[in-house]
């Protein structure tokens, strides 16, 4: 199934899409990326601020049914 993947707290850049260089229109900074079914992206992100105890960053799919089914998570930056 297709997904719109989003991270909080920073922007990222795509390094690859399905093993190849991203297309020109995908090279800018992003906070959300569209992922067609069975596709894969590699991205790089830099956080300038560490998380504080009890307030991790999060990532999730923007389809509400997917969020409700657990397609979201939290992570810390040290």
N, C-alpha and C. Protein backbone atom coordinates (compact mmCIF):
# COMPACT_ATOMS: atom_id res chain seq x y z
N UNK A 1 0.83 -1.18 0.00
CA UNK A 1 0.00 0.00 0.00
C UNK A 1 0.88 1.25 0.00
N UNK A 2 0.41 2.30 -0.59
CA UNK A 2 1.15 3.57 -0.63
C UNK A 2 1.11 4.24 0.74
N UNK A 3 2.16 5.02 1.03
CA UNK A 3 2.26 5.73 2.30
C UNK A 3 2.86 7.11 2.08
N UNK A 4 2.50 8.04 2.94
CA UNK A 4 3.18 9.32 3.07
C UNK A 4 3.89 9.30 4.41
N UNK A 5 5.20 9.22 4.40
CA UNK A 5 6.00 9.08 5.61
C UNK A 5 6.48 10.46 6.05
N UNK A 6 6.34 10.75 7.35
CA UNK A 6 6.65 12.07 7.89
C UNK A 6 7.47 11.94 9.16
N UNK A 7 8.45 12.84 9.34
CA UNK A 7 9.19 12.90 10.60
C UNK A 7 9.00 14.28 11.22
N UNK A 8 9.10 14.34 12.53
CA UNK A 8 8.95 15.59 13.26
C UNK A 8 10.31 16.12 13.69
N UNK A 9 10.45 17.42 13.73
CA UNK A 9 11.61 18.05 14.34
C UNK A 9 12.77 18.38 13.44
N UNK A 10 12.75 17.94 12.18
CA UNK A 10 13.86 18.23 11.28
C UNK A 10 13.44 17.95 9.84
N UNK A 11 14.23 18.43 8.93
CA UNK A 11 14.05 18.11 7.51
C UNK A 11 15.05 17.04 7.12
N UNK A 12 14.79 16.35 6.03
CA UNK A 12 15.70 15.33 5.54
C UNK A 12 15.87 15.48 4.04
N UNK A 13 16.91 14.82 3.51
CA UNK A 13 17.15 14.76 2.07
C UNK A 13 17.19 13.31 1.65
N UNK A 14 16.60 13.03 0.51
CA UNK A 14 16.62 11.67 -0.03
C UNK A 14 17.99 11.40 -0.64
N UNK A 15 18.54 10.25 -0.30
CA UNK A 15 19.80 9.81 -0.91
C UNK A 15 19.53 8.91 -2.09
N UNK A 16 18.57 7.99 -1.93
CA UNK A 16 18.21 7.10 -3.02
C UNK A 16 16.71 6.81 -2.97
N UNK A 17 16.18 6.44 -4.12
CA UNK A 17 14.82 5.92 -4.23
C UNK A 17 14.92 4.64 -5.04
N UNK A 18 14.58 3.53 -4.40
CA UNK A 18 14.67 2.21 -5.03
C UNK A 18 16.07 1.95 -5.59
N UNK A 19 17.08 2.37 -4.84
CA UNK A 19 18.47 2.10 -5.21
C UNK A 19 19.09 3.05 -6.20
N UNK A 20 18.33 4.01 -6.71
CA UNK A 20 18.84 4.98 -7.69
C UNK A 20 18.79 6.38 -7.10
N UNK A 21 19.50 7.30 -7.74
CA UNK A 21 19.46 8.69 -7.30
C UNK A 21 18.03 9.23 -7.38
N UNK A 22 17.63 10.06 -6.43
CA UNK A 22 16.28 10.62 -6.51
C UNK A 22 16.16 11.55 -7.72
N UNK A 23 14.96 11.74 -8.19
CA UNK A 23 14.74 12.67 -9.31
C UNK A 23 14.99 14.10 -8.87
N UNK A 24 15.25 14.98 -9.81
CA UNK A 24 15.62 16.37 -9.50
C UNK A 24 14.63 17.04 -8.56
N UNK A 25 13.34 16.82 -8.76
CA UNK A 25 12.34 17.48 -7.93
C UNK A 25 12.29 16.92 -6.50
N UNK A 26 13.00 15.82 -6.25
CA UNK A 26 13.03 15.23 -4.92
C UNK A 26 14.29 15.57 -4.13
N UNK A 27 15.14 16.44 -4.65
CA UNK A 27 16.43 16.67 -4.01
C UNK A 27 16.40 17.74 -2.92
N UNK A 28 15.35 18.47 -2.77
CA UNK A 28 15.27 19.51 -1.74
C UNK A 28 14.99 18.92 -0.37
N UNK A 29 14.99 19.80 0.62
CA UNK A 29 14.69 19.38 1.99
C UNK A 29 13.22 19.01 2.11
N UNK A 30 12.95 17.97 2.87
CA UNK A 30 11.59 17.45 3.02
C UNK A 30 11.32 17.13 4.48
N UNK A 31 10.04 17.09 4.84
CA UNK A 31 9.63 16.51 6.12
C UNK A 31 8.64 15.38 5.89
N UNK A 32 8.23 15.20 4.63
CA UNK A 32 7.33 14.11 4.24
C UNK A 32 7.78 13.58 2.89
N UNK A 33 7.69 12.27 2.72
CA UNK A 33 8.04 11.67 1.43
C UNK A 33 6.95 10.66 1.06
N UNK A 34 6.59 10.66 -0.21
CA UNK A 34 5.60 9.72 -0.74
C UNK A 34 6.30 8.41 -1.09
N UNK A 35 5.75 7.31 -0.59
CA UNK A 35 6.31 5.98 -0.86
C UNK A 35 5.25 5.10 -1.49
N UNK A 36 5.33 4.88 -2.80
CA UNK A 36 4.40 3.92 -3.42
C UNK A 36 4.62 2.52 -2.82
N UNK A 37 3.64 1.67 -2.97
CA UNK A 37 3.73 0.31 -2.44
C UNK A 37 5.02 -0.37 -2.88
N UNK A 38 5.65 -1.07 -1.98
CA UNK A 38 6.87 -1.85 -2.22
C UNK A 38 8.06 -1.01 -2.69
N UNK A 39 8.08 0.26 -2.36
CA UNK A 39 9.23 1.09 -2.72
C UNK A 39 10.08 1.33 -1.48
N UNK A 40 11.26 1.89 -1.71
CA UNK A 40 12.20 2.12 -0.62
C UNK A 40 12.95 3.41 -0.88
N UNK A 41 13.16 4.19 0.16
CA UNK A 41 14.02 5.36 0.07
C UNK A 41 15.05 5.31 1.19
N UNK A 42 16.19 5.91 0.92
CA UNK A 42 17.19 6.15 1.94
C UNK A 42 17.29 7.65 2.09
N UNK A 43 17.33 8.11 3.33
CA UNK A 43 17.36 9.54 3.59
C UNK A 43 18.40 9.84 4.65
N UNK A 44 18.82 11.10 4.66
CA UNK A 44 19.75 11.57 5.68
C UNK A 44 19.10 12.75 6.38
N UNK A 45 19.24 12.76 7.69
CA UNK A 45 18.65 13.83 8.50
C UNK A 45 19.66 14.24 9.56
N UNK A 46 19.70 15.53 9.85
CA UNK A 46 20.58 16.04 10.90
C UNK A 46 19.74 16.77 11.93
N UNK A 47 19.87 16.36 13.15
CA UNK A 47 19.17 17.04 14.25
C UNK A 47 20.16 17.93 14.97
N UNK A 48 19.79 19.17 15.19
CA UNK A 48 20.68 20.11 15.87
C UNK A 48 20.40 20.16 17.36
N UNK A 49 19.37 19.48 17.80
CA UNK A 49 19.02 19.49 19.22
C UNK A 49 18.66 18.09 19.68
N UNK A 50 19.24 17.70 20.79
CA UNK A 50 18.93 16.39 21.37
C UNK A 50 17.52 16.42 21.95
N UNK A 51 16.94 15.25 22.08
CA UNK A 51 15.64 15.17 22.74
C UNK A 51 15.82 15.32 24.25
N UNK A 52 14.75 15.71 24.90
CA UNK A 52 14.76 15.80 26.35
C UNK A 52 14.00 14.60 26.89
N UNK A 53 14.29 14.22 28.10
CA UNK A 53 13.64 13.06 28.72
C UNK A 53 12.13 13.24 28.68
N UNK A 54 11.44 12.23 28.19
CA UNK A 54 9.98 12.25 28.14
C UNK A 54 9.40 12.93 26.92
N UNK A 55 10.26 13.43 26.01
CA UNK A 55 9.75 14.12 24.81
C UNK A 55 10.54 13.68 23.58
N UNK A 56 10.38 12.43 23.14
CA UNK A 56 11.11 11.96 21.96
C UNK A 56 10.55 12.56 20.67
N UNK A 57 11.33 12.49 19.61
CA UNK A 57 10.82 12.84 18.29
C UNK A 57 9.93 11.69 17.81
N UNK A 58 9.16 11.95 16.75
CA UNK A 58 8.30 10.89 16.25
C UNK A 58 8.29 10.85 14.74
N UNK A 59 7.89 9.71 14.20
CA UNK A 59 7.68 9.53 12.77
C UNK A 59 6.38 8.77 12.59
N UNK A 60 5.74 8.95 11.44
CA UNK A 60 4.47 8.26 11.21
C UNK A 60 4.05 8.36 9.75
N UNK A 61 3.11 7.52 9.40
CA UNK A 61 2.43 7.58 8.12
C UNK A 61 1.29 8.58 8.24
N UNK A 62 1.00 9.32 7.20
CA UNK A 62 -0.07 10.32 7.26
C UNK A 62 -1.45 9.77 6.94
N UNK A 63 -1.57 8.48 6.78
CA UNK A 63 -2.89 7.87 6.59
C UNK A 63 -3.38 7.45 7.97
N UNK A 64 -4.48 8.05 8.43
CA UNK A 64 -4.93 7.85 9.80
C UNK A 64 -5.12 6.39 10.16
N UNK A 65 -5.67 5.59 9.25
CA UNK A 65 -5.86 4.18 9.54
C UNK A 65 -4.53 3.48 9.79
N UNK A 66 -3.48 3.92 9.11
CA UNK A 66 -2.16 3.34 9.32
C UNK A 66 -1.60 3.75 10.68
N UNK A 67 -1.79 5.01 11.05
CA UNK A 67 -1.34 5.45 12.37
C UNK A 67 -2.04 4.65 13.45
N UNK A 68 -3.34 4.48 13.30
CA UNK A 68 -4.11 3.72 14.29
C UNK A 68 -3.67 2.26 14.36
N UNK A 69 -3.12 1.74 13.27
CA UNK A 69 -2.67 0.35 13.22
C UNK A 69 -1.20 0.21 13.68
N UNK A 70 -0.60 1.28 14.14
CA UNK A 70 0.75 1.20 14.69
C UNK A 70 1.86 1.67 13.79
N UNK A 71 1.57 2.28 12.65
CA UNK A 71 2.62 2.75 11.76
C UNK A 71 3.08 4.13 12.19
N UNK A 72 3.58 4.18 13.40
CA UNK A 72 4.19 5.38 13.93
C UNK A 72 5.16 4.94 15.01
N UNK A 73 6.11 5.79 15.30
CA UNK A 73 7.08 5.43 16.32
C UNK A 73 7.75 6.66 16.87
N UNK A 74 8.56 6.44 17.89
CA UNK A 74 9.30 7.50 18.54
C UNK A 74 10.78 7.15 18.56
N UNK A 75 11.61 8.19 18.60
CA UNK A 75 13.05 7.95 18.70
C UNK A 75 13.70 9.11 19.44
N UNK A 76 14.86 8.83 20.02
CA UNK A 76 15.59 9.85 20.74
C UNK A 76 16.85 10.22 19.99
N UNK A 77 17.32 11.43 20.21
CA UNK A 77 18.56 11.94 19.64
C UNK A 77 19.44 12.36 20.79
N UNK A 78 20.65 11.86 20.80
CA UNK A 78 21.56 12.16 21.91
C UNK A 78 22.53 13.24 21.52
